[in-house]
Amino acid sequence: MKIALSTGCLYENPLSDVFKIASAAGFDGIELLVDNLKCNIPVSDLKKLSNKYDVPVISIHSPFVICDGWGNFWERITKSITLAKSLPVQLVNFHPPRGMLYYHRLNNELSRHIEDYKGYIKNSSIVLTIENLPCPEHLRIIPLIDRFFPLLIDNTYQIVEFAIENDIYVTFDTTHIGTTGSDILDSYHIFKERIANIHLSDYDGERQHLLPGKGYLPLKKLLSQLKSDNYSGVMTLETNPVAMDAENISNATRNAKQCLSYIRKAIEDLKIERL
């Protein structure tokens, strides 16, 4: 298992800060979340930063916002794959278009594009993953909506079915599962055969993407289960910048170290229990 630090944890910071913190904390690499602040950084600059700090880019997160020069939603995924080939990187993740998986008749459009992407990554080692989405905040407060419109709240089954039907993999986001009200361990068992990347963060019922241990999600149990299952994919720390205290590099570095320690200790505790 490789443990990466997402650039999303330090969204507004220079990319050099992320590499520096990842190196100081001891992460195996970073996940590059392409956004409107980091969408036009030359590949040569990325390689220089990677070499300087001895921290590889492990995965690319395709933009889910409009980025200058990156085109429409479908073109942004294509450009992410091109970037992955150039670095090179072995995993590209994307969010499904909002609403598309809620209506089965629209799946064909996404499936057609997936076939194009698979053709583009053929003869490479790149794995393509689709990420489970959170329950939109404005829907969580509507009484009984989960009873009458369950797919608006929890897209877990549809994401897994889509991944299986289209022969791609999944990025399993723990906070996003938390917003649906589902148990992350139950959801993990639904997803696990298709998981290639895990976005790890905590959730307290209101705030998303908290530092592990700062919410109520059973992340230690999940990590223990991953160890028991010999999970060999990517584990990506993906917190929000406020939780990371990204404006203060010293504090952000300390928080990154503590998060990495949290992950590794949960895995090591399982080893001790087995002795």
C-alpha atoms as a PDB file:
ATOM      1  CA  MET A   1       0.000   0.000   0.000  1.00  0.00           C
ATOM      2  CA  LYS A   2       1.319   3.433  -0.970  1.00  0.00           C
ATOM      3  CA  ILE A   3       0.179   6.418   1.089  1.00  0.00           C
ATOM      4  CA  ALA A   4      -0.183   9.720  -0.757  1.00  0.00           C
ATOM      5  CA  LEU A   5      -0.902  13.307   0.257  1.00  0.00           C
ATOM      6  CA  SER A   6      -3.499  15.051  -1.894  1.00  0.00           C
ATOM      7  CA  THR A   7      -2.698  18.538  -3.118  1.00  0.00           C
ATOM      8  CA  GLY A   8      -6.328  19.259  -2.205  1.00  0.00           C
ATOM      9  CA  CYS A   9      -5.229  19.331   1.445  1.00  0.00           C
ATOM     10  CA  LEU A  10      -3.348  22.542   0.614  1.00  0.00           C
ATOM     11  CA  TYR A  11      -5.581  23.802  -2.156  1.00  0.00           C
ATOM     12  CA  GLU A  12      -4.374  27.429  -2.271  1.00  0.00           C
ATOM     13  CA  ASN A  13      -0.728  26.744  -1.412  1.00  0.00           C
ATOM     14  CA  PRO A  14       2.040  26.646  -4.001  1.00  0.00           C
ATOM     15  CA  LEU A  15       2.641  23.140  -5.256  1.00  0.00           C
ATOM     16  CA  SER A  16       6.143  23.275  -3.783  1.00  0.00           C
ATOM     17  CA  ASP A  17       4.562  23.413  -0.308  1.00  0.00           C
ATOM     18  CA  VAL A  18       2.767  20.126  -0.915  1.00  0.00           C
ATOM     19  CA  PHE A  19       5.925  18.356  -2.063  1.00  0.00           C
ATOM     20  CA  LYS A  20       7.881  19.811   0.842  1.00  0.00           C
ATOM     21  CA  ILE A  21       5.294  18.726   3.428  1.00  0.00           C
ATOM     22  CA  ALA A  22       4.855  15.282   1.862  1.00  0.00           C
ATOM     23  CA  SER A  23       8.606  14.769   2.008  1.00  0.00           C
ATOM     24  CA  ALA A  24       8.974  16.032   5.590  1.00  0.00           C
ATOM     25  CA  ALA A  25       6.056  13.917   6.819  1.00  0.00           C
ATOM     26  CA  GLY A  26       7.205  10.751   5.055  1.00  0.00           C
ATOM     27  CA  PHE A  27       4.447  10.166   2.498  1.00  0.00           C
ATOM     28  CA  ASP A  28       5.158   7.815  -0.396  1.00  0.00           C
ATOM     29  CA  GLY A  29       3.968  10.401  -2.924  1.00  0.00           C
ATOM     30  CA  ILE A  30       1.262  12.894  -3.768  1.00  0.00           C
ATOM     31  CA  GLU A  31      -2.046  12.880  -5.581  1.00  0.00           C
ATOM     32  CA  LEU A  32      -2.239  15.858  -7.906  1.00  0.00           C
ATOM     33  CA  LEU A  33      -5.740  17.323  -7.805  1.00  0.00           C
ATOM     34  CA  VAL A  34      -5.927  19.387 -10.962  1.00  0.00           C
ATOM     35  CA  ASP A  35      -7.778  22.625 -10.199  1.00  0.00           C
ATOM     36  CA  ASN A  36      -7.910  26.162 -11.524  1.00  0.00           C
ATOM     37  CA  LEU A  37      -4.763  27.038  -9.548  1.00  0.00           C
ATOM     38  CA  LYS A  38      -2.665  24.085 -10.693  1.00  0.00           C
ATOM     39  CA  CYS A  39      -4.025  23.260 -14.137  1.00  0.00           C
ATOM     40  CA  ASN A  40      -1.274  24.782 -16.274  1.00  0.00           C
ATOM     41  CA  ILE A  41       1.900  23.853 -14.425  1.00  0.00           C
ATOM     42  CA  PRO A  42       4.428  22.502 -16.955  1.00  0.00           C
ATOM     43  CA  VAL A  43       5.227  18.802 -16.705  1.00  0.00           C
ATOM     44  CA  SER A  44       8.908  19.730 -16.466  1.00  0.00           C
ATOM     45  CA  ASP A  45       8.194  21.746 -13.292  1.00  0.00           C
ATOM     46  CA  LEU A  46       6.306  18.822 -11.760  1.00  0.00           C
ATOM     47  CA  LYS A  47       9.225  16.517 -12.494  1.00  0.00           C
ATOM     48  CA  LYS A  48      11.702  18.997 -10.979  1.00  0.00           C
ATOM     49  CA  LEU A  49       9.682  19.242  -7.767  1.00  0.00           C
ATOM     50  CA  SER A  50       9.335  15.469  -7.622  1.00  0.00           C
ATOM     51  CA  ASN A  51      13.082  15.009  -8.037  1.00  0.00           C
ATOM     52  CA  LYS A  52      13.971  17.807  -5.613  1.00  0.00           C
ATOM     53  CA  TYR A  53      11.903  16.365  -2.762  1.00  0.00           C
ATOM     54  CA  ASP A  54      12.158  12.714  -3.821  1.00  0.00           C
ATOM     55  CA  VAL A  55       8.351  12.502  -3.811  1.00  0.00           C
ATOM     56  CA  PRO A  56       6.652  11.020  -6.887  1.00  0.00           C
ATOM     57  CA  VAL A  57       3.222  11.936  -8.187  1.00  0.00           C
ATOM     58  CA  ILE A  58       1.306   8.701  -7.578  1.00  0.00           C
ATOM     59  CA  SER A  59      -2.085   9.652  -8.987  1.00  0.00           C
ATOM     60  CA  ILE A  60      -3.932  12.358 -10.903  1.00  0.00           C
ATOM     61  CA  HIS A  61      -7.357  13.608  -9.844  1.00  0.00           C
ATOM     62  CA  SER A  62      -9.130  14.961 -12.911  1.00  0.00           C
ATOM     63  CA  PRO A  63     -10.636  18.448 -12.441  1.00  0.00           C
ATOM     64  CA  PHE A  64     -14.220  18.657 -11.261  1.00  0.00           C
ATOM     65  CA  VAL A  65     -14.240  22.430 -11.802  1.00  0.00           C
ATOM     66  CA  ILE A  66     -13.729  24.455 -14.967  1.00  0.00           C
ATOM     67  CA  CYS A  67     -10.018  24.943 -15.673  1.00  0.00           C
ATOM     68  CA  ASP A  68      -8.561  27.324 -18.210  1.00  0.00           C
ATOM     69  CA  GLY A  69      -7.559  25.453 -21.346  1.00  0.00           C
ATOM     70  CA  TRP A  70      -8.866  22.077 -20.185  1.00  0.00           C
ATOM     71  CA  GLY A  71     -12.138  22.089 -22.113  1.00  0.00           C
ATOM     72  CA  ASN A  72     -15.372  20.399 -21.108  1.00  0.00           C
ATOM     73  CA  PHE A  73     -15.882  17.605 -18.611  1.00  0.00           C
ATOM     74  CA  TRP A  74     -14.936  14.815 -21.018  1.00  0.00           C
ATOM     75  CA  GLU A  75     -11.888  16.658 -22.359  1.00  0.00           C
ATOM     76  CA  ARG A  76     -10.626  17.260 -18.825  1.00  0.00           C
ATOM     77  CA  ILE A  77     -10.423  13.516 -18.216  1.00  0.00           C
ATOM     78  CA  THR A  78      -8.571  13.039 -21.515  1.00  0.00           C
ATOM     79  CA  LYS A  79      -6.067  15.752 -20.547  1.00  0.00           C
ATOM     80  CA  SER A  80      -5.624  14.126 -17.119  1.00  0.00           C
ATOM     81  CA  ILE A  81      -4.730  10.862 -18.812  1.00  0.00           C
ATOM     82  CA  THR A  82      -2.285  12.698 -21.099  1.00  0.00           C
ATOM     83  CA  LEU A  83      -0.669  14.271 -18.029  1.00  0.00           C
ATOM     84  CA  ALA A  84      -0.480  10.860 -16.346  1.00  0.00           C
ATOM     85  CA  LYS A  85       1.295   9.430 -19.370  1.00  0.00           C
ATOM     86  CA  SER A  86       3.783  12.302 -19.384  1.00  0.00           C
ATOM     87  CA  LEU A  87       4.884  12.066 -15.756  1.00  0.00           C
ATOM     88  CA  PRO A  88       4.278   8.975 -15.762  1.00  0.00           C
ATOM     89  CA  VAL A  89       1.517   8.183 -13.241  1.00  0.00           C
ATOM     90  CA  GLN A  90      -0.376   4.914 -12.919  1.00  0.00           C
ATOM     91  CA  LEU A  91      -3.791   6.082 -11.662  1.00  0.00           C
ATOM     92  CA  VAL A  92      -6.293   8.680 -12.899  1.00  0.00           C
ATOM     93  CA  ASN A  93      -9.418   9.408 -10.873  1.00  0.00           C
ATOM     94  CA  PHE A  94     -12.537  11.324 -11.878  1.00  0.00           C
ATOM     95  CA  HIS A  95     -15.892  12.344 -10.404  1.00  0.00           C
ATOM     96  CA  PRO A  96     -18.933  11.280 -12.430  1.00  0.00           C
ATOM     97  CA  PRO A  97     -20.966  14.160 -13.862  1.00  0.00           C
ATOM     98  CA  ARG A  98     -23.472  15.164 -11.200  1.00  0.00           C
ATOM     99  CA  GLY A  99     -26.853  13.594 -11.822  1.00  0.00           C
ATOM    100  CA  MET A 100     -25.644  11.225 -14.528  1.00  0.00           C
ATOM    101  CA  LEU A 101     -25.576   8.097 -12.411  1.00  0.00           C
ATOM    102  CA  TYR A 102     -28.926   8.916 -10.851  1.00  0.00           C
ATOM    103  CA  TYR A 103     -30.671   8.297 -14.167  1.00  0.00           C
ATOM    104  CA  HIS A 104     -29.836   4.992 -15.771  1.00  0.00           C
ATOM    105  CA  ARG A 105     -30.776   6.143 -19.260  1.00  0.00           C
ATOM    106  CA  LEU A 106     -27.831   8.554 -19.177  1.00  0.00           C
ATOM    107  CA  ASN A 107     -25.280   5.893 -18.337  1.00  0.00           C
ATOM    108  CA  ASN A 108     -24.741   5.129 -22.005  1.00  0.00           C
ATOM    109  CA  GLU A 109     -23.104   8.505 -22.605  1.00  0.00           C
ATOM    110  CA  LEU A 110     -20.630   8.035 -19.780  1.00  0.00           C
ATOM    111  CA  SER A 111     -19.997   4.447 -20.885  1.00  0.00           C
ATOM    112  CA  ARG A 112     -19.180   5.582 -24.435  1.00  0.00           C
ATOM    113  CA  HIS A 113     -16.584   7.999 -23.138  1.00  0.00           C
ATOM    114  CA  ILE A 114     -15.160   5.357 -20.802  1.00  0.00           C
ATOM    115  CA  GLU A 115     -14.534   3.121 -23.805  1.00  0.00           C
ATOM    116  CA  ASP A 116     -12.609   5.970 -25.450  1.00  0.00           C
ATOM    117  CA  TYR A 117     -10.525   6.499 -22.306  1.00  0.00           C
ATOM    118  CA  LYS A 118      -9.792   2.789 -22.030  1.00  0.00           C
ATOM    119  CA  GLY A 119      -8.598   2.806 -25.604  1.00  0.00           C
ATOM    120  CA  TYR A 120      -6.329   5.756 -24.798  1.00  0.00           C
ATOM    121  CA  ILE A 121      -4.719   3.996 -21.793  1.00  0.00           C
ATOM    122  CA  LYS A 122      -4.374   0.678 -23.613  1.00  0.00           C
ATOM    123  CA  ASN A 123      -0.774  -0.586 -23.566  1.00  0.00           C
ATOM    124  CA  SER A 124      -0.063   1.557 -20.509  1.00  0.00           C
ATOM    125  CA  SER A 125      -0.172   0.743 -16.795  1.00  0.00           C
ATOM    126  CA  ILE A 126      -2.721   3.470 -16.021  1.00  0.00           C
ATOM    127  CA  VAL A 127      -5.735   2.501 -13.925  1.00  0.00           C
ATOM    128  CA  LEU A 128      -8.904   4.571 -14.357  1.00  0.00           C
ATOM    129  CA  THR A 129     -11.098   5.089 -11.286  1.00  0.00           C
ATOM    130  CA  ILE A 130     -14.506   6.644 -10.698  1.00  0.00           C
ATOM    131  CA  GLU A 131     -15.175   8.214  -7.282  1.00  0.00           C
ATOM    132  CA  ASN A 132     -18.296   7.847  -5.176  1.00  0.00           C
ATOM    133  CA  LEU A 133     -20.030  11.187  -4.646  1.00  0.00           C
ATOM    134  CA  PRO A 134     -21.261  12.782  -1.403  1.00  0.00           C
ATOM    135  CA  CYS A 135     -24.890  13.393  -0.628  1.00  0.00           C
ATOM    136  CA  PRO A 136     -25.511  17.065  -1.527  1.00  0.00           C
ATOM    137  CA  GLU A 137     -25.799  19.162   1.615  1.00  0.00           C
ATOM    138  CA  HIS A 138     -29.149  20.696   0.673  1.00  0.00           C
ATOM    139  CA  LEU A 139     -30.690  17.233   0.362  1.00  0.00           C
ATOM    140  CA  ARG A 140     -29.546  15.950   3.750  1.00  0.00           C
ATOM    141  CA  ILE A 141     -32.008  18.145   5.615  1.00  0.00           C
ATOM    142  CA  ILE A 142     -35.121  17.012   3.711  1.00  0.00           C
ATOM    143  CA  PRO A 143     -37.195  14.628   5.889  1.00  0.00           C
ATOM    144  CA  LEU A 144     -37.655  11.078   4.551  1.00  0.00           C
ATOM    145  CA  ILE A 145     -35.846  11.832   1.272  1.00  0.00           C
ATOM    146  CA  ASP A 146     -33.764   8.687   1.747  1.00  0.00           C
ATOM    147  CA  ARG A 147     -36.984   6.652   1.790  1.00  0.00           C
ATOM    148  CA  PHE A 148     -38.554   8.108  -1.336  1.00  0.00           C
ATOM    149  CA  PHE A 149     -35.472   9.053  -3.385  1.00  0.00           C
ATOM    150  CA  PRO A 150     -32.679   6.792  -2.099  1.00  0.00           C
ATOM    151  CA  LEU A 151     -30.413   7.208  -5.140  1.00  0.00           C
ATOM    152  CA  LEU A 152     -30.198  10.954  -4.523  1.00  0.00           C
ATOM    153  CA  ILE A 153     -28.716  10.221  -1.100  1.00  0.00           C
ATOM    154  CA  ASP A 154     -26.559   7.152  -1.669  1.00  0.00           C
ATOM    155  CA  ASN A 155     -24.983   6.273  -5.042  1.00  0.00           C
ATOM    156  CA  THR A 156     -22.861   3.433  -3.626  1.00  0.00           C
ATOM    157  CA  TYR A 157     -24.468   0.574  -5.505  1.00  0.00           C
ATOM    158  CA  GLN A 158     -24.698   2.462  -8.778  1.00  0.00           C
ATOM    159  CA  ILE A 159     -21.032   3.438  -8.690  1.00  0.00           C
ATOM    160  CA  VAL A 160     -19.962  -0.163  -8.072  1.00  0.00           C
ATOM    161  CA  GLU A 161     -22.296  -1.549 -10.729  1.00  0.00           C
ATOM    162  CA  PHE A 162     -21.072   1.031 -13.226  1.00  0.00           C
ATOM    163  CA  ALA A 163     -17.416   0.221 -12.480  1.00  0.00           C
ATOM    164  CA  ILE A 164     -18.019  -3.505 -12.920  1.00  0.00           C
ATOM    165  CA  GLU A 165     -20.077  -3.091 -16.104  1.00  0.00           C
ATOM    166  CA  ASN A 166     -17.441  -0.820 -17.659  1.00  0.00           C
ATOM    167  CA  ASP A 167     -14.379  -2.666 -16.316  1.00  0.00           C
ATOM    168  CA  ILE A 168     -12.858   0.260 -14.432  1.00  0.00           C
ATOM    169  CA  TYR A 169     -11.999   0.734 -10.770  1.00  0.00           C
ATOM    170  CA  VAL A 170     -13.164   2.891  -7.875  1.00  0.00           C
ATOM    171  CA  THR A 171     -11.748   5.600  -5.636  1.00  0.00           C
ATOM    172  CA  PHE A 172     -13.477   5.027  -2.298  1.00  0.00           C
ATOM    173  CA  ASP A 173     -14.008   8.324  -0.458  1.00  0.00           C
ATOM    174  CA  THR A 174     -14.747   7.807   3.243  1.00  0.00           C
ATOM    175  CA  THR A 175     -16.216  11.255   3.894  1.00  0.00           C
ATOM    176  CA  HIS A 176     -18.496  10.963   0.877  1.00  0.00           C
ATOM    177  CA  ILE A 177     -19.799   7.667   2.233  1.00  0.00           C
ATOM    178  CA  GLY A 178     -20.273   9.325   5.621  1.00  0.00           C
ATOM    179  CA  THR A 179     -22.532  12.023   4.160  1.00  0.00           C
ATOM    180  CA  THR A 180     -24.944   9.366   2.877  1.00  0.00           C
ATOM    181  CA  GLY A 181     -25.486   7.945   6.356  1.00  0.00           C
ATOM    182  CA  SER A 182     -24.175   4.538   5.287  1.00  0.00           C
ATOM    183  CA  ASP A 183     -21.688   2.582   7.362  1.00  0.00           C
ATOM    184  CA  ILE A 184     -18.261   2.865   5.738  1.00  0.00           C
ATOM    185  CA  LEU A 185     -17.352  -0.729   6.621  1.00  0.00           C
ATOM    186  CA  ASP A 186     -20.517  -2.072   4.985  1.00  0.00           C
ATOM    187  CA  SER A 187     -19.861   0.147   1.979  1.00  0.00           C
ATOM    188  CA  TYR A 188     -16.237  -0.978   1.828  1.00  0.00           C
ATOM    189  CA  HIS A 189     -17.337  -4.605   1.503  1.00  0.00           C
ATOM    190  CA  ILE A 190     -19.582  -3.590  -1.398  1.00  0.00           C
ATOM    191  CA  PHE A 191     -16.756  -1.707  -3.106  1.00  0.00           C
ATOM    192  CA  LYS A 192     -13.687  -3.698  -2.160  1.00  0.00           C
ATOM    193  CA  GLU A 193     -13.223  -5.854  -5.254  1.00  0.00           C
ATOM    194  CA  ARG A 194     -12.988  -2.693  -7.389  1.00  0.00           C
ATOM    195  CA  ILE A 195     -11.067  -0.312  -5.086  1.00  0.00           C
ATOM    196  CA  ALA A 196      -7.747   1.008  -6.419  1.00  0.00           C
ATOM    197  CA  ASN A 197      -7.563   4.223  -4.381  1.00  0.00           C
ATOM    198  CA  ILE A 198      -8.979   5.383  -1.048  1.00  0.00           C
ATOM    199  CA  HIS A 199      -9.553   9.015  -0.143  1.00  0.00           C
ATOM    200  CA  LEU A 200      -9.190   8.978   3.620  1.00  0.00           C
ATOM    201  CA  SER A 201     -10.666  11.697   5.821  1.00  0.00           C
ATOM    202  CA  ASP A 202     -13.152  12.024   8.656  1.00  0.00           C
ATOM    203  CA  TYR A 203     -16.685  13.424   8.924  1.00  0.00           C
ATOM    204  CA  ASP A 204     -18.573  14.718  11.963  1.00  0.00           C
ATOM    205  CA  GLY A 205     -22.067  15.008  10.514  1.00  0.00           C
ATOM    206  CA  GLU A 206     -21.537  18.570   9.315  1.00  0.00           C
ATOM    207  CA  ARG A 207     -17.944  19.186   8.260  1.00  0.00           C
ATOM    208  CA  GLN A 208     -16.421  17.102   5.475  1.00  0.00           C
ATOM    209  CA  HIS A 209     -12.819  15.980   4.938  1.00  0.00           C
ATOM    210  CA  LEU A 210     -11.584  16.379   8.491  1.00  0.00           C
ATOM    211  CA  LEU A 211      -8.298  14.982   9.794  1.00  0.00           C
ATOM    212  CA  PRO A 212      -8.603  11.270  10.655  1.00  0.00           C
ATOM    213  CA  GLY A 213      -9.796  10.914  14.235  1.00  0.00           C
ATOM    214  CA  LYS A 214     -11.580  14.289  14.292  1.00  0.00           C
ATOM    215  CA  GLY A 215     -14.986  12.919  13.294  1.00  0.00           C
ATOM    216  CA  TYR A 216     -17.061   9.845  14.024  1.00  0.00           C
ATOM    217  CA  LEU A 217     -16.187   7.557  11.094  1.00  0.00           C
ATOM    218  CA  PRO A 218     -14.650   4.209  12.165  1.00  0.00           C
ATOM    219  CA  LEU A 219     -11.465   4.797  10.183  1.00  0.00           C
ATOM    220  CA  LYS A 220      -9.251   2.644  12.395  1.00  0.00           C
ATOM    221  CA  LYS A 221     -11.533  -0.332  11.822  1.00  0.00           C
ATOM    222  CA  LEU A 222     -11.455   0.362   8.092  1.00  0.00           C
ATOM    223  CA  LEU A 223      -7.658   0.512   8.081  1.00  0.00           C
ATOM    224  CA  SER A 224      -7.477  -2.742  10.019  1.00  0.00           C
ATOM    225  CA  GLN A 225      -9.817  -4.350   7.507  1.00  0.00           C
ATOM    226  CA  LEU A 226      -7.683  -3.117   4.631  1.00  0.00           C
ATOM    227  CA  LYS A 227      -4.617  -4.659   6.248  1.00  0.00           C
ATOM    228  CA  SER A 228      -6.472  -7.941   6.807  1.00  0.00           C
ATOM    229  CA  ASP A 229      -7.527  -7.935   3.150  1.00  0.00           C
ATOM    230  CA  ASN A 230      -3.941  -7.227   1.997  1.00  0.00           C
ATOM    231  CA  TYR A 231      -5.039  -4.075   0.208  1.00  0.00           C
ATOM    232  CA  SER A 232      -2.287  -3.109  -2.213  1.00  0.00           C
ATOM    233  CA  GLY A 233      -3.707   0.001  -3.858  1.00  0.00           C
ATOM    234  CA  VAL A 234      -3.228   3.680  -3.052  1.00  0.00           C
ATOM    235  CA  MET A 235      -4.281   5.349   0.201  1.00  0.00           C
ATOM    236  CA  THR A 236      -4.662   9.128  -0.219  1.00  0.00           C
ATOM    237  CA  LEU A 237      -5.035  11.579   2.641  1.00  0.00           C
ATOM    238  CA  GLU A 238      -7.597  14.090   1.361  1.00  0.00           C
ATOM    239  CA  THR A 239      -8.577  16.648   3.999  1.00  0.00           C
ATOM    240  CA  ASN A 240      -9.829  20.187   3.566  1.00  0.00           C
ATOM    241  CA  PRO A 241      -7.270  23.023   3.862  1.00  0.00           C
ATOM    242  CA  VAL A 242      -8.881  24.465   7.010  1.00  0.00           C
ATOM    243  CA  ALA A 243      -8.577  21.128   8.800  1.00  0.00           C
ATOM    244  CA  MET A 244      -4.941  20.907   7.688  1.00  0.00           C
ATOM    245  CA  ASP A 245      -4.294  24.540   8.771  1.00  0.00           C
ATOM    246  CA  ALA A 246      -2.763  25.025   5.355  1.00  0.00           C
ATOM    247  CA  GLU A 247      -1.988  28.726   5.863  1.00  0.00           C
ATOM    248  CA  ASN A 248       0.634  27.817   8.462  1.00  0.00           C
ATOM    249  CA  ILE A 249       3.256  25.526   6.931  1.00  0.00           C
ATOM    250  CA  SER A 250       4.601  24.394  10.309  1.00  0.00           C
ATOM    251  CA  ASN A 251       1.128  23.445  11.518  1.00  0.00           C
ATOM    252  CA  ALA A 252       0.255  21.821   8.213  1.00  0.00           C
ATOM    253  CA  THR A 253       3.429  19.746   8.352  1.00  0.00           C
ATOM    254  CA  ARG A 254       2.647  18.690  11.912  1.00  0.00           C
ATOM    255  CA  ASN A 255      -0.905  17.739  10.952  1.00  0.00           C
ATOM    256  CA  ALA A 256       0.299  15.782   7.924  1.00  0.00           C
ATOM    257  CA  LYS A 257       2.744  13.859  10.118  1.00  0.00           C
ATOM    258  CA  GLN A 258       0.035  13.116  12.674  1.00  0.00           C
ATOM    259  CA  CYS A 259      -2.330  11.869   9.969  1.00  0.00           C
ATOM    260  CA  LEU A 260       0.325   9.591   8.514  1.00  0.00           C
ATOM    261  CA  SER A 261       1.111   8.305  12.003  1.00  0.00           C
ATOM    262  CA  TYR A 262      -2.602   7.656  12.578  1.00  0.00           C
ATOM    263  CA  ILE A 263      -2.772   5.539   9.414  1.00  0.00           C
ATOM    264  CA  ARG A 264       0.403   3.598  10.097  1.00  0.00           C
ATOM    265  CA  LYS A 265      -0.397   3.034  13.777  1.00  0.00           C
ATOM    266  CA  ALA A 266      -3.804   1.573  12.909  1.00  0.00           C
ATOM    267  CA  ILE A 267      -2.049  -0.887  10.608  1.00  0.00           C
ATOM    268  CA  GLU A 268       0.736  -1.640  13.090  1.00  0.00           C
ATOM    269  CA  ASP A 269      -1.755  -2.221  15.935  1.00  0.00           C
ATOM    270  CA  LEU A 270      -3.291  -4.975  13.835  1.00  0.00           C
ATOM    271  CA  LYS A 271       0.116  -6.610  13.439  1.00  0.00           C
ATOM    272  CA  ILE A 272       0.648  -6.509  17.227  1.00  0.00           C
ATOM    273  CA  GLU A 273      -2.768  -8.077  17.875  1.00  0.00           C
ATOM    274  CA  ARG A 274      -1.835 -10.974  15.595  1.00  0.00           C
ATOM    275  CA  LEU A 275       1.452 -11.754  17.410  1.00  0.00           C
END
